[in-house]
Amino acid sequence: LFGIFLLLGAVVMADERFIKAIDRDWPILLAAALPLT
């Protein structure tokens, strides 16, 4: 699990489009995370 997250961190930093997607979608992800929690 931790190895996958480490790789995901590298992938996210490799292309600026990921960062833009995070900036855009984090409220949606928060709405998904709350009931999952």
PDB file of all heavy atoms in Angstrom:
ATOM      1  N   LEU A   1       0.825  -1.209   0.000  1.00  0.00           N
ATOM      2  CA  LEU A   1       0.000   0.000   0.000  1.00  0.00           C
ATOM      3  C   LEU A   1       0.857   1.256   0.000  1.00  0.00           C
ATOM      4  O   LEU A   1       0.634   2.178  -0.799  1.00  0.00           O
ATOM      5  CB  LEU A   1      -0.920  -0.010   1.225  1.00  0.00           C
ATOM      6  CG  LEU A   1      -1.835   1.200   1.377  1.00  0.00           C
ATOM      7  CD1 LEU A   1      -2.907   1.217   0.296  1.00  0.00           C
ATOM      8  CD2 LEU A   1      -2.483   1.223   2.762  1.00  0.00           C
ATOM      9  N   PHE A   2       1.860   1.302   0.886  1.00  0.00           N
ATOM     10  CA  PHE A   2       2.690   2.494   0.973  1.00  0.00           C
ATOM     11  C   PHE A   2       3.553   2.669  -0.276  1.00  0.00           C
ATOM     12  O   PHE A   2       3.810   3.790  -0.711  1.00  0.00           O
ATOM     13  CB  PHE A   2       3.565   2.424   2.223  1.00  0.00           C
ATOM     14  CG  PHE A   2       2.774   2.384   3.509  1.00  0.00           C
ATOM     15  CD1 PHE A   2       3.260   1.704   4.619  1.00  0.00           C
ATOM     16  CD2 PHE A   2       1.551   3.020   3.611  1.00  0.00           C
ATOM     17  CE1 PHE A   2       2.532   1.656   5.800  1.00  0.00           C
ATOM     18  CE2 PHE A   2       0.812   2.982   4.801  1.00  0.00           C
ATOM     19  CZ  PHE A   2       1.309   2.291   5.891  1.00  0.00           C
ATOM     20  N   GLY A   3       4.015   1.561  -0.853  1.00  0.00           N
ATOM     21  CA  GLY A   3       4.772   1.656  -2.087  1.00  0.00           C
ATOM     22  C   GLY A   3       3.942   2.226  -3.217  1.00  0.00           C
ATOM     23  O   GLY A   3       4.427   3.050  -4.017  1.00  0.00           O
ATOM     24  N   ILE A   4       2.683   1.819  -3.297  1.00  0.00           N
ATOM     25  CA  ILE A   4       1.791   2.348  -4.336  1.00  0.00           C
ATOM     26  C   ILE A   4       1.573   3.841  -4.141  1.00  0.00           C
ATOM     27  O   ILE A   4       1.601   4.627  -5.097  1.00  0.00           O
ATOM     28  CB  ILE A   4       0.462   1.581  -4.333  1.00  0.00           C
ATOM     29  CG1 ILE A   4       0.688   0.151  -4.841  1.00  0.00           C
ATOM     30  CG2 ILE A   4      -0.579   2.287  -5.189  1.00  0.00           C
ATOM     31  CD1 ILE A   4      -0.491  -0.770  -4.632  1.00  0.00           C
ATOM     32  N   PHE A   5       1.362   4.264  -2.905  1.00  0.00           N
ATOM     33  CA  PHE A   5       1.160   5.694  -2.655  1.00  0.00           C
ATOM     34  C   PHE A   5       2.426   6.492  -2.959  1.00  0.00           C
ATOM     35  O   PHE A   5       2.349   7.635  -3.421  1.00  0.00           O
ATOM     36  CB  PHE A   5       0.694   5.928  -1.219  1.00  0.00           C
ATOM     37  CG  PHE A   5      -0.807   5.948  -1.084  1.00  0.00           C
ATOM     38  CD1 PHE A   5      -1.511   4.761  -0.923  1.00  0.00           C
ATOM     39  CD2 PHE A   5      -1.514   7.126  -1.141  1.00  0.00           C
ATOM     40  CE1 PHE A   5      -2.895   4.754  -0.815  1.00  0.00           C
ATOM     41  CE2 PHE A   5      -2.893   7.139  -1.032  1.00  0.00           C
ATOM     42  CZ  PHE A   5      -3.593   5.952  -0.872  1.00  0.00           C
ATOM     43  N   LEU A   6       3.581   5.919  -2.694  1.00  0.00           N
ATOM     44  CA  LEU A   6       4.824   6.600  -3.048  1.00  0.00           C
ATOM     45  C   LEU A   6       4.900   6.811  -4.561  1.00  0.00           C
ATOM     46  O   LEU A   6       5.227   7.909  -5.035  1.00  0.00           O
ATOM     47  CB  LEU A   6       6.020   5.795  -2.551  1.00  0.00           C
ATOM     48  CG  LEU A   6       7.399   6.468  -2.618  1.00  0.00           C
ATOM     49  CD1 LEU A   6       8.302   5.929  -1.512  1.00  0.00           C
ATOM     50  CD2 LEU A   6       8.082   6.254  -3.961  1.00  0.00           C
ATOM     51  N   LEU A   7       4.577   5.769  -5.319  1.00  0.00           N
ATOM     52  CA  LEU A   7       4.582   5.890  -6.774  1.00  0.00           C
ATOM     53  C   LEU A   7       3.525   6.883  -7.258  1.00  0.00           C
ATOM     54  O   LEU A   7       3.764   7.645  -8.202  1.00  0.00           O
ATOM     55  CB  LEU A   7       4.356   4.530  -7.414  1.00  0.00           C
ATOM     56  CG  LEU A   7       5.514   3.530  -7.324  1.00  0.00           C
ATOM     57  CD1 LEU A   7       5.108   2.199  -7.925  1.00  0.00           C
ATOM     58  CD2 LEU A   7       6.759   4.070  -8.043  1.00  0.00           C
ATOM     59  N   LEU A   8       2.361   6.872  -6.618  1.00  0.00           N
ATOM     60  CA  LEU A   8       1.319   7.820  -7.010  1.00  0.00           C
ATOM     61  C   LEU A   8       1.766   9.261  -6.780  1.00  0.00           C
ATOM     62  O   LEU A   8       1.452  10.153  -7.578  1.00  0.00           O
ATOM     63  CB  LEU A   8       0.032   7.534  -6.229  1.00  0.00           C
ATOM     64  CG  LEU A   8      -0.740   6.277  -6.632  1.00  0.00           C
ATOM     65  CD1 LEU A   8      -1.898   6.039  -5.680  1.00  0.00           C
ATOM     66  CD2 LEU A   8      -1.240   6.379  -8.063  1.00  0.00           C
ATOM     67  N   GLY A   9       2.504   9.489  -5.702  1.00  0.00           N
ATOM     68  CA  GLY A   9       3.025  10.826  -5.468  1.00  0.00           C
ATOM     69  C   GLY A   9       3.963  11.267  -6.581  1.00  0.00           C
ATOM     70  O   GLY A   9       3.915  12.412  -7.040  1.00  0.00           O
ATOM     71  N   ALA A  10       4.817  10.346  -7.028  1.00  0.00           N
ATOM     72  CA  ALA A  10       5.727  10.660  -8.128  1.00  0.00           C
ATOM     73  C   ALA A  10       4.954  10.941  -9.409  1.00  0.00           C
ATOM     74  O   ALA A  10       5.268  11.890 -10.143  1.00  0.00           O
ATOM     75  CB  ALA A  10       6.710   9.508  -8.326  1.00  0.00           C
ATOM     76  N   VAL A  11       3.935  10.123  -9.687  1.00  0.00           N
ATOM     77  CA  VAL A  11       3.133  10.311 -10.904  1.00  0.00           C
ATOM     78  C   VAL A  11       2.435  11.663 -10.888  1.00  0.00           C
ATOM     79  O   VAL A  11       2.410  12.377 -11.902  1.00  0.00           O
ATOM     80  CB  VAL A  11       2.110   9.158 -11.042  1.00  0.00           C
ATOM     81  CG1 VAL A  11       1.080   9.473 -12.126  1.00  0.00           C
ATOM     82  CG2 VAL A  11       2.823   7.851 -11.373  1.00  0.00           C
ATOM     83  N   VAL A  12       1.865  12.033  -9.747  1.00  0.00           N
ATOM     84  CA  VAL A  12       1.157  13.307  -9.641  1.00  0.00           C
ATOM     85  C   VAL A  12       2.096  14.478  -9.915  1.00  0.00           C
ATOM     86  O   VAL A  12       1.713  15.480 -10.541  1.00  0.00           O
ATOM     87  CB  VAL A  12       0.508  13.429  -8.241  1.00  0.00           C
ATOM     88  CG1 VAL A  12       0.089  14.862  -7.943  1.00  0.00           C
ATOM     89  CG2 VAL A  12      -0.696  12.494  -8.148  1.00  0.00           C
ATOM     90  N   MET A  13       3.347  14.360  -9.462  1.00  0.00           N
ATOM     91  CA  MET A  13       4.303  15.448  -9.681  1.00  0.00           C
ATOM     92  C   MET A  13       4.838  15.479 -11.109  1.00  0.00           C
ATOM     93  O   MET A  13       5.428  16.470 -11.527  1.00  0.00           O
ATOM     94  CB  MET A  13       5.480  15.305  -8.709  1.00  0.00           C
ATOM     95  CG  MET A  13       5.175  15.757  -7.309  1.00  0.00           C
ATOM     96  SD  MET A  13       4.603  17.469  -7.207  1.00  0.00           S
ATOM     97  CE  MET A  13       6.064  18.345  -7.745  1.00  0.00           C
ATOM     98  N   ALA A  14       4.633  14.405 -11.859  1.00  0.00           N
ATOM     99  CA  ALA A  14       5.235  14.296 -13.187  1.00  0.00           C
ATOM    100  C   ALA A  14       4.488  15.089 -14.249  1.00  0.00           C
ATOM    101  O   ALA A  14       5.049  15.344 -15.327  1.00  0.00           O
ATOM    102  CB  ALA A  14       5.307  12.824 -13.605  1.00  0.00           C
ATOM    103  N   ASP A  15       3.248  15.476 -13.985  1.00  0.00           N
ATOM    104  CA  ASP A  15       2.465  16.192 -14.994  1.00  0.00           C
ATOM    105  C   ASP A  15       1.572  17.205 -14.290  1.00  0.00           C
ATOM    106  O   ASP A  15       0.823  16.859 -13.368  1.00  0.00           O
ATOM    107  CB  ASP A  15       1.614  15.201 -15.796  1.00  0.00           C
ATOM    108  CG  ASP A  15       1.056  15.814 -17.077  1.00  0.00           C
ATOM    109  OD1 ASP A  15       0.369  16.858 -16.989  1.00  0.00           O
ATOM    110  OD2 ASP A  15       1.296  15.239 -18.157  1.00  0.00           O
ATOM    111  N   GLU A  16       1.656  18.441 -14.729  1.00  0.00           N
ATOM    112  CA  GLU A  16       0.920  19.525 -14.071  1.00  0.00           C
ATOM    113  C   GLU A  16      -0.591  19.333 -14.154  1.00  0.00           C
ATOM    114  O   GLU A  16      -1.342  19.884 -13.337  1.00  0.00           O
ATOM    115  CB  GLU A  16       1.306  20.861 -14.704  1.00  0.00           C
ATOM    116  CG  GLU A  16       0.778  22.081 -13.961  1.00  0.00           C
ATOM    117  CD  GLU A  16       1.261  23.380 -14.573  1.00  0.00           C
ATOM    118  OE1 GLU A  16       2.156  23.335 -15.441  1.00  0.00           O
ATOM    119  OE2 GLU A  16       0.726  24.427 -14.186  1.00  0.00           O
ATOM    120  N   ARG A  17      -1.050  18.515 -15.107  1.00  0.00           N
ATOM    121  CA  ARG A  17      -2.490  18.300 -15.232  1.00  0.00           C
ATOM    122  C   ARG A  17      -3.070  17.600 -14.015  1.00  0.00           C
ATOM    123  O   ARG A  17      -4.245  17.801 -13.669  1.00  0.00           O
ATOM    124  CB  ARG A  17      -2.782  17.508 -16.509  1.00  0.00           C
ATOM    125  CG  ARG A  17      -2.631  18.320 -17.792  1.00  0.00           C
ATOM    126  CD  ARG A  17      -2.807  17.457 -19.027  1.00  0.00           C
ATOM    127  NE  ARG A  17      -1.656  16.570 -19.224  1.00  0.00           N
ATOM    128  CZ  ARG A  17      -1.551  15.736 -20.261  1.00  0.00           C
ATOM    129  NH1 ARG A  17      -2.525  15.669 -21.168  1.00  0.00           N
ATOM    130  NH2 ARG A  17      -0.483  14.961 -20.392  1.00  0.00           N
ATOM    131  N   PHE A  18      -2.270  16.770 -13.349  1.00  0.00           N
ATOM    132  CA  PHE A  18      -2.748  16.132 -12.119  1.00  0.00           C
ATOM    133  C   PHE A  18      -3.006  17.172 -11.036  1.00  0.00           C
ATOM    134  O   PHE A  18      -4.019  17.111 -10.327  1.00  0.00           O
ATOM    135  CB  PHE A  18      -1.728  15.115 -11.615  1.00  0.00           C
ATOM    136  CG  PHE A  18      -1.599  13.887 -12.468  1.00  0.00           C
ATOM    137  CD1 PHE A  18      -0.400  13.596 -13.100  1.00  0.00           C
ATOM    138  CD2 PHE A  18      -2.668  13.030 -12.639  1.00  0.00           C
ATOM    139  CE1 PHE A  18      -0.264  12.462 -13.884  1.00  0.00           C
ATOM    140  CE2 PHE A  18      -2.544  11.888 -13.422  1.00  0.00           C
ATOM    141  CZ  PHE A  18      -1.340  11.604 -14.051  1.00  0.00           C
ATOM    142  N   ILE A  19      -2.089  18.111 -10.887  1.00  0.00           N
ATOM    143  CA  ILE A  19      -2.240  19.156  -9.866  1.00  0.00           C
ATOM    144  C   ILE A  19      -3.469  20.009 -10.163  1.00  0.00           C
ATOM    145  O   ILE A  19      -4.233  20.355  -9.252  1.00  0.00           O
ATOM    146  CB  ILE A  19      -0.977  20.022  -9.796  1.00  0.00           C
ATOM    147  CG1 ILE A  19       0.254  19.169  -9.464  1.00  0.00           C
ATOM    148  CG2 ILE A  19      -1.149  21.133  -8.770  1.00  0.00           C
ATOM    149  CD1 ILE A  19       0.176  18.474  -8.120  1.00  0.00           C
ATOM    150  N   LYS A  20      -3.672  20.330 -11.425  1.00  0.00           N
ATOM    151  CA  LYS A  20      -4.862  21.104 -11.794  1.00  0.00           C
ATOM    152  C   LYS A  20      -6.134  20.315 -11.490  1.00  0.00           C
ATOM    153  O   LYS A  20      -7.139  20.893 -11.053  1.00  0.00           O
ATOM    154  CB  LYS A  20      -4.798  21.476 -13.271  1.00  0.00           C
ATOM    155  CG  LYS A  20      -3.707  22.490 -13.608  1.00  0.00           C
ATOM    156  CD  LYS A  20      -3.702  22.824 -15.093  1.00  0.00           C
ATOM    157  CE  LYS A  20      -2.642  23.870 -15.408  1.00  0.00           C
ATOM    158  NZ  LYS A  20      -2.591  24.199 -16.862  1.00  0.00           N
ATOM    159  N   ALA A  21      -6.082  19.000 -11.724  1.00  0.00           N
ATOM    160  CA  ALA A  21      -7.249  18.165 -11.423  1.00  0.00           C
ATOM    161  C   ALA A  21      -7.516  18.118  -9.928  1.00  0.00           C
ATOM    162  O   ALA A  21      -8.681  18.122  -9.497  1.00  0.00           O
ATOM    163  CB  ALA A  21      -7.032  16.762 -11.977  1.00  0.00           C
ATOM    164  N   ILE A  22      -6.456  18.068  -9.115  1.00  0.00           N
ATOM    165  CA  ILE A  22      -6.636  18.086  -7.661  1.00  0.00           C
ATOM    166  C   ILE A  22      -7.253  19.408  -7.218  1.00  0.00           C
ATOM    167  O   ILE A  22      -8.183  19.438  -6.402  1.00  0.00           O
ATOM    168  CB  ILE A  22      -5.297  17.845  -6.951  1.00  0.00           C
ATOM    169  CG1 ILE A  22      -4.783  16.428  -7.225  1.00  0.00           C
ATOM    170  CG2 ILE A  22      -5.439  18.067  -5.441  1.00  0.00           C
ATOM    171  CD1 ILE A  22      -3.382  16.163  -6.713  1.00  0.00           C
ATOM    172  N   ASP A  23      -6.727  20.510  -7.756  1.00  0.00           N
ATOM    173  CA  ASP A  23      -7.276  21.827  -7.417  1.00  0.00           C
ATOM    174  C   ASP A  23      -8.760  21.917  -7.771  1.00  0.00           C
ATOM    175  O   ASP A  23      -9.542  22.551  -7.052  1.00  0.00           O
ATOM    176  CB  ASP A  23      -6.507  22.922  -8.153  1.00  0.00           C
ATOM    177  CG  ASP A  23      -5.085  23.091  -7.643  1.00  0.00           C
ATOM    178  OD1 ASP A  23      -4.817  22.638  -6.514  1.00  0.00           O
ATOM    179  OD2 ASP A  23      -4.250  23.658  -8.366  1.00  0.00           O
ATOM    180  N   ARG A  24      -9.142  21.271  -8.851  1.00  0.00           N
ATOM    181  CA  ARG A  24     -10.529  21.321  -9.314  1.00  0.00           C
ATOM    182  C   ARG A  24     -11.445  20.378  -8.536  1.00  0.00           C
ATOM    183  O   ARG A  24     -12.581  20.725  -8.197  1.00  0.00           O
ATOM    184  CB  ARG A  24     -10.560  20.958 -10.800  1.00  0.00           C
ATOM    185  CG  ARG A  24     -11.939  20.962 -11.452  1.00  0.00           C
ATOM    186  CD  ARG A  24     -11.901  20.205 -12.764  1.00  0.00           C
ATOM    187  NE  ARG A  24     -11.637  18.781 -12.554  1.00  0.00           N
ATOM    188  CZ  ARG A  24     -10.984  18.005 -13.415  1.00  0.00           C
ATOM    189  NH1 ARG A  24     -10.505  18.498 -14.536  1.00  0.00           N
ATOM    190  NH2 ARG A  24     -10.790  16.714 -13.140  1.00  0.00           N
ATOM    191  N   ASP A  25     -10.951  19.177  -8.231  1.00  0.00           N
ATOM    192  CA  ASP A  25     -11.822  18.104  -7.740  1.00  0.00           C
ATOM    193  C   ASP A  25     -11.788  17.875  -6.238  1.00  0.00           C
ATOM    194  O   ASP A  25     -12.562  17.045  -5.741  1.00  0.00           O
ATOM    195  CB  ASP A  25     -11.452  16.780  -8.427  1.00  0.00           C
ATOM    196  CG  ASP A  25     -11.916  16.735  -9.879  1.00  0.00           C
ATOM    197  OD1 ASP A  25     -12.620  17.666 -10.302  1.00  0.00           O
ATOM    198  OD2 ASP A  25     -11.556  15.778 -10.591  1.00  0.00           O
ATOM    199  N   TRP A  26     -10.913  18.558  -5.480  1.00  0.00           N
ATOM    200  CA  TRP A  26     -10.811  18.193  -4.077  1.00  0.00           C
ATOM    201  C   TRP A  26     -12.130  18.351  -3.312  1.00  0.00           C
ATOM    202  O   TRP A  26     -12.414  17.541  -2.404  1.00  0.00           O
ATOM    203  CB  TRP A  26      -9.669  18.945  -3.383  1.00  0.00           C
ATOM    204  CG  TRP A  26      -9.872  20.399  -3.113  1.00  0.00           C
ATOM    205  CD1 TRP A  26      -9.421  21.442  -3.853  1.00  0.00           C
ATOM    206  CD2 TRP A  26     -10.572  20.973  -1.996  1.00  0.00           C
ATOM    207  NE1 TRP A  26      -9.811  22.630  -3.288  1.00  0.00           N
ATOM    208  CE2 TRP A  26     -10.507  22.358  -2.139  1.00  0.00           C
ATOM    209  CE3 TRP A  26     -11.237  20.443  -0.901  1.00  0.00           C
ATOM    210  CZ2 TRP A  26     -11.086  23.246  -1.239  1.00  0.00           C
ATOM    211  CZ3 TRP A  26     -11.826  21.308   0.018  1.00  0.00           C
ATOM    212  CH2 TRP A  26     -11.750  22.692  -0.163  1.00  0.00           C
ATOM    213  N   PRO A  27     -13.005  19.328  -3.639  1.00  0.00           N
ATOM    214  CA  PRO A  27     -14.303  19.343  -2.921  1.00  0.00           C
ATOM    215  C   PRO A  27     -15.149  18.104  -3.221  1.00  0.00           C
ATOM    216  O   PRO A  27     -15.848  17.597  -2.327  1.00  0.00           O
ATOM    217  CB  PRO A  27     -14.977  20.618  -3.448  1.00  0.00           C
ATOM    218  CG  PRO A  27     -13.847  21.489  -3.920  1.00  0.00           C
ATOM    219  CD  PRO A  27     -12.859  20.532  -4.496  1.00  0.00           C
ATOM    220  N   ILE A  28     -15.101  17.605  -4.464  1.00  0.00           N
ATOM    221  CA  ILE A  28     -15.832  16.386  -4.805  1.00  0.00           C
ATOM    222  C   ILE A  28     -15.255  15.200  -4.042  1.00  0.00           C
ATOM    223  O   ILE A  28     -15.994  14.343  -3.530  1.00  0.00           O
ATOM    224  CB  ILE A  28     -15.759  16.131  -6.323  1.00  0.00           C
ATOM    225  CG1 ILE A  28     -16.389  17.297  -7.085  1.00  0.00           C
ATOM    226  CG2 ILE A  28     -16.433  14.818  -6.693  1.00  0.00           C
ATOM    227  CD1 ILE A  28     -16.222  17.191  -8.586  1.00  0.00           C
ATOM    228  N   LEU A  29     -13.936  15.139  -3.966  1.00  0.00           N
ATOM    229  CA  LEU A  29     -13.273  14.052  -3.241  1.00  0.00           C
ATOM    230  C   LEU A  29     -13.584  14.115  -1.748  1.00  0.00           C
ATOM    231  O   LEU A  29     -13.724  13.080  -1.090  1.00  0.00           O
ATOM    232  CB  LEU A  29     -11.767  14.117  -3.480  1.00  0.00           C
ATOM    233  CG  LEU A  29     -11.332  13.914  -4.937  1.00  0.00           C
ATOM    234  CD1 LEU A  29      -9.866  14.292  -5.122  1.00  0.00           C
ATOM    235  CD2 LEU A  29     -11.568  12.471  -5.366  1.00  0.00           C
ATOM    236  N   LEU A  30     -13.711  15.314  -1.216  1.00  0.00           N
ATOM    237  CA  LEU A  30     -14.099  15.466   0.180  1.00  0.00           C
ATOM    238  C   LEU A  30     -15.514  14.933   0.406  1.00  0.00           C
ATOM    239  O   LEU A  30     -15.790  14.248   1.402  1.00  0.00           O
ATOM    240  CB  LEU A  30     -14.029  16.936   0.600  1.00  0.00           C
ATOM    241  CG  LEU A  30     -14.487  17.279   2.022  1.00  0.00           C
ATOM    242  CD1 LEU A  30     -13.645  16.539   3.056  1.00  0.00           C
ATOM    243  CD2 LEU A  30     -14.423  18.784   2.257  1.00  0.00           C
ATOM    244  N   ALA A  31     -16.405  15.223  -0.534  1.00  0.00           N
ATOM    245  CA  ALA A  31     -17.772  14.718  -0.431  1.00  0.00           C
ATOM    246  C   ALA A  31     -17.810  13.193  -0.480  1.00  0.00           C
ATOM    247  O   ALA A  31     -18.676  12.569   0.141  1.00  0.00           O
ATOM    248  CB  ALA A  31     -18.628  15.303  -1.558  1.00  0.00           C
ATOM    249  N   ALA A  32     -16.876  12.588  -1.210  1.00  0.00           N
ATOM    250  CA  ALA A  32     -16.802  11.121  -1.244  1.00  0.00           C
ATOM    251  C   ALA A  32     -16.146  10.566   0.008  1.00  0.00           C
ATOM    252  O   ALA A  32     -16.534   9.505   0.512  1.00  0.00           O
ATOM    253  CB  ALA A  32     -16.026  10.680  -2.484  1.00  0.00           C
ATOM    254  N   ALA A  33     -15.145  11.281   0.535  1.00  0.00           N
ATOM    255  CA  ALA A  33     -14.388  10.777   1.682  1.00  0.00           C
ATOM    256  C   ALA A  33     -15.212  10.767   2.961  1.00  0.00           C
ATOM    257  O   ALA A  33     -15.055   9.874   3.803  1.00  0.00           O
ATOM    258  CB  ALA A  33     -13.128  11.617   1.884  1.00  0.00           C
ATOM    259  N   LEU A  34     -16.085  11.719   3.148  1.00  0.00           N
ATOM    260  CA  LEU A  34     -16.829  11.816   4.405  1.00  0.00           C
ATOM    261  C   LEU A  34     -17.723  10.596   4.653  1.00  0.00           C
ATOM    262  O   LEU A  34     -17.642   9.994   5.739  1.00  0.00           O
ATOM    263  CB  LEU A  34     -17.651  13.109   4.421  1.00  0.00           C
ATOM    264  CG  LEU A  34     -16.823  14.394   4.551  1.00  0.00           C
ATOM    265  CD1 LEU A  34     -17.719  15.616   4.408  1.00  0.00           C
ATOM    266  CD2 LEU A  34     -16.073  14.433   5.868  1.00  0.00           C
ATOM    267  N   PRO A  35     -18.566  10.173   3.704  1.00  0.00           N
ATOM    268  CA  PRO A  35     -19.357   8.959   3.984  1.00  0.00           C
ATOM    269  C   PRO A  35     -18.499   7.703   4.065  1.00  0.00           C
ATOM    270  O   PRO A  35     -18.810   6.793   4.843  1.00  0.00           O
ATOM    271  CB  PRO A  35     -20.333   8.895   2.800  1.00  0.00           C
ATOM    272  CG  PRO A  35     -19.722   9.722   1.727  1.00  0.00           C
ATOM    273  CD  PRO A  35     -18.962  10.795   2.426  1.00  0.00           C
ATOM    274  N   LEU A  36     -17.419   7.632   3.269  1.00  0.00           N
ATOM    275  CA  LEU A  36     -16.521   6.482   3.371  1.00  0.00           C
ATOM    276  C   LEU A  36     -15.911   6.399   4.765  1.00  0.00           C
ATOM    277  O   LEU A  36     -15.773   5.307   5.337  1.00  0.00           O
ATOM    278  CB  LEU A  36     -15.418   6.581   2.319  1.00  0.00           C
ATOM    279  CG  LEU A  36     -15.798   6.259   0.877  1.00  0.00           C
ATOM    280  CD1 LEU A  36     -14.644   6.609  -0.061  1.00  0.00           C
ATOM    281  CD2 LEU A  36     -16.177   4.794   0.728  1.00  0.00           C
ATOM    282  N   THR A  37     -15.542   7.541   5.317  1.00  0.00           N
ATOM    283  CA  THR A  37     -14.958   7.582   6.660  1.00  0.00           C
ATOM    284  C   THR A  37     -15.951   7.076   7.700  1.00  0.00           C
ATOM    285  O   THR A  37     -15.588   6.317   8.608  1.00  0.00           O
ATOM    286  CB  THR A  37     -14.506   9.012   6.998  1.00  0.00           C
ATOM    287  OG1 THR A  37     -13.497   9.425   6.060  1.00  0.00           O
ATOM    288  CG2 THR A  37     -13.948   9.092   8.402  1.00  0.00           C
TER     289      THR A  37
END
